[in-house]
Amino acid sequence: MNDQPQFDRERNGSLYDRGSADSFYCRPRDPHWWTGGTMIGKRIINLTEEEIFEYHLGYTENTDFKQY
């Protein structure tokens, strides 16, 4: 199990969280994560392949979408 914060799926601002949020709001894919939580700390965009995969997994697994 990976204990790095960007891989903690329960953590606000993690790769999975940001992927699922972008999907929920029908935003285009934009792999990133936040060091201190959503919109807190640094926005990290220089990602490894493993990190990009985790973001896309969150995006793909989302099944709930904002109704406008």
C-alpha atoms as a PDB file:
ATOM      1  CA  MET A   1       0.000   0.000   0.000  1.00  0.00           C
ATOM      2  CA  ASN A   2       1.277   3.442  -0.942  1.00  0.00           C
ATOM      3  CA  ASP A   3       1.307   5.834   2.024  1.00  0.00           C
ATOM      4  CA  GLN A   4       2.120   8.965   0.034  1.00  0.00           C
ATOM      5  CA  PRO A   5      -0.607  11.628   0.450  1.00  0.00           C
ATOM      6  CA  GLN A   6      -1.330  11.939  -3.267  1.00  0.00           C
ATOM      7  CA  PHE A   7      -2.382   8.255  -3.315  1.00  0.00           C
ATOM      8  CA  ASP A   8      -4.687   8.427  -0.255  1.00  0.00           C
ATOM      9  CA  ARG A   9      -8.112   8.038  -1.872  1.00  0.00           C
ATOM     10  CA  GLU A  10      -9.879   9.337   1.248  1.00  0.00           C
ATOM     11  CA  ARG A  11      -7.813  12.551   1.244  1.00  0.00           C
ATOM     12  CA  ASN A  12      -9.261  15.776  -0.105  1.00  0.00           C
ATOM     13  CA  GLY A  13      -6.978  16.986  -2.895  1.00  0.00           C
ATOM     14  CA  SER A  14      -5.473  13.585  -3.724  1.00  0.00           C
ATOM     15  CA  LEU A  15      -5.045  12.383  -7.291  1.00  0.00           C
ATOM     16  CA  TYR A  16      -8.120  10.151  -7.116  1.00  0.00           C
ATOM     17  CA  ASP A  17     -10.169  12.907  -5.472  1.00  0.00           C
ATOM     18  CA  ARG A  18      -9.212  15.485  -8.105  1.00  0.00           C
ATOM     19  CA  GLY A  19      -9.938  13.052 -10.944  1.00  0.00           C
ATOM     20  CA  SER A  20     -13.370  12.231  -9.581  1.00  0.00           C
ATOM     21  CA  ALA A  21     -14.133  15.926  -8.955  1.00  0.00           C
ATOM     22  CA  ASP A  22     -13.134  16.908 -12.487  1.00  0.00           C
ATOM     23  CA  SER A  23     -15.376  14.151 -13.818  1.00  0.00           C
ATOM     24  CA  PHE A  24     -18.263  15.137 -11.511  1.00  0.00           C
ATOM     25  CA  TYR A  25     -18.154  18.727 -12.792  1.00  0.00           C
ATOM     26  CA  CYS A  26     -17.729  17.567 -16.419  1.00  0.00           C
ATOM     27  CA  ARG A  27     -14.356  19.268 -16.663  1.00  0.00           C
ATOM     28  CA  PRO A  28     -11.707  18.020 -19.079  1.00  0.00           C
ATOM     29  CA  ARG A  29      -9.055  15.685 -17.720  1.00  0.00           C
ATOM     30  CA  ASP A  30      -6.211  17.638 -16.114  1.00  0.00           C
ATOM     31  CA  PRO A  31      -4.049  15.363 -13.926  1.00  0.00           C
ATOM     32  CA  HIS A  32      -2.976  17.167 -10.748  1.00  0.00           C
ATOM     33  CA  TRP A  33      -3.186  17.072  -6.965  1.00  0.00           C
ATOM     34  CA  TRP A  34      -2.911  19.538  -4.066  1.00  0.00           C
ATOM     35  CA  THR A  35      -0.338  19.187  -1.269  1.00  0.00           C
ATOM     36  CA  GLY A  36      -2.595  20.563   1.495  1.00  0.00           C
ATOM     37  CA  GLY A  37      -6.043  19.579   0.258  1.00  0.00           C
ATOM     38  CA  THR A  38      -8.193  20.977  -2.528  1.00  0.00           C
ATOM     39  CA  MET A  39      -7.017  24.494  -3.424  1.00  0.00           C
ATOM     40  CA  ILE A  40      -4.633  24.461  -0.424  1.00  0.00           C
ATOM     41  CA  GLY A  41      -0.860  24.308  -0.702  1.00  0.00           C
ATOM     42  CA  LYS A  42       0.833  23.652  -4.008  1.00  0.00           C
ATOM     43  CA  ARG A  43      -0.958  22.366  -7.104  1.00  0.00           C
ATOM     44  CA  ILE A  44       1.257  19.554  -8.405  1.00  0.00           C
ATOM     45  CA  ILE A  45       1.158  18.926 -12.168  1.00  0.00           C
ATOM     46  CA  ASN A  46       4.567  17.316 -12.808  1.00  0.00           C
ATOM     47  CA  LEU A  47       3.413  13.720 -12.280  1.00  0.00           C
ATOM     48  CA  THR A  48       4.789  10.218 -12.677  1.00  0.00           C
ATOM     49  CA  GLU A  49       3.013   7.637 -14.833  1.00  0.00           C
ATOM     50  CA  GLU A  50       1.698   5.990 -11.662  1.00  0.00           C
ATOM     51  CA  GLU A  51       0.268   9.306 -10.442  1.00  0.00           C
ATOM     52  CA  ILE A  52      -1.356  10.044 -13.808  1.00  0.00           C
ATOM     53  CA  PHE A  53      -2.930   6.579 -13.755  1.00  0.00           C
ATOM     54  CA  GLU A  54      -4.363   7.228 -10.262  1.00  0.00           C
ATOM     55  CA  TYR A  55      -5.919  10.530 -11.410  1.00  0.00           C
ATOM     56  CA  HIS A  56      -7.477   8.883 -14.481  1.00  0.00           C
ATOM     57  CA  LEU A  57      -8.801   6.055 -12.309  1.00  0.00           C
ATOM     58  CA  GLY A  58     -10.664   8.578 -10.151  1.00  0.00           C
ATOM     59  CA  TYR A  59     -12.000  10.274 -13.272  1.00  0.00           C
ATOM     60  CA  THR A  60     -13.143   7.017 -14.860  1.00  0.00           C
ATOM     61  CA  GLU A  61     -14.674   5.444 -11.744  1.00  0.00           C
ATOM     62  CA  ASN A  62     -16.905   8.436 -10.991  1.00  0.00           C
ATOM     63  CA  THR A  63     -20.553   7.618 -11.682  1.00  0.00           C
ATOM     64  CA  ASP A  64     -22.183  10.763 -10.271  1.00  0.00           C
ATOM     65  CA  PHE A  65     -22.333  13.969 -12.309  1.00  0.00           C
ATOM     66  CA  LYS A  66     -23.383  17.514 -11.453  1.00  0.00           C
ATOM     67  CA  GLN A  67     -26.768  18.366 -12.912  1.00  0.00           C
ATOM     68  CA  TYR A  68     -26.763  21.884 -14.316  1.00  0.00           C
END
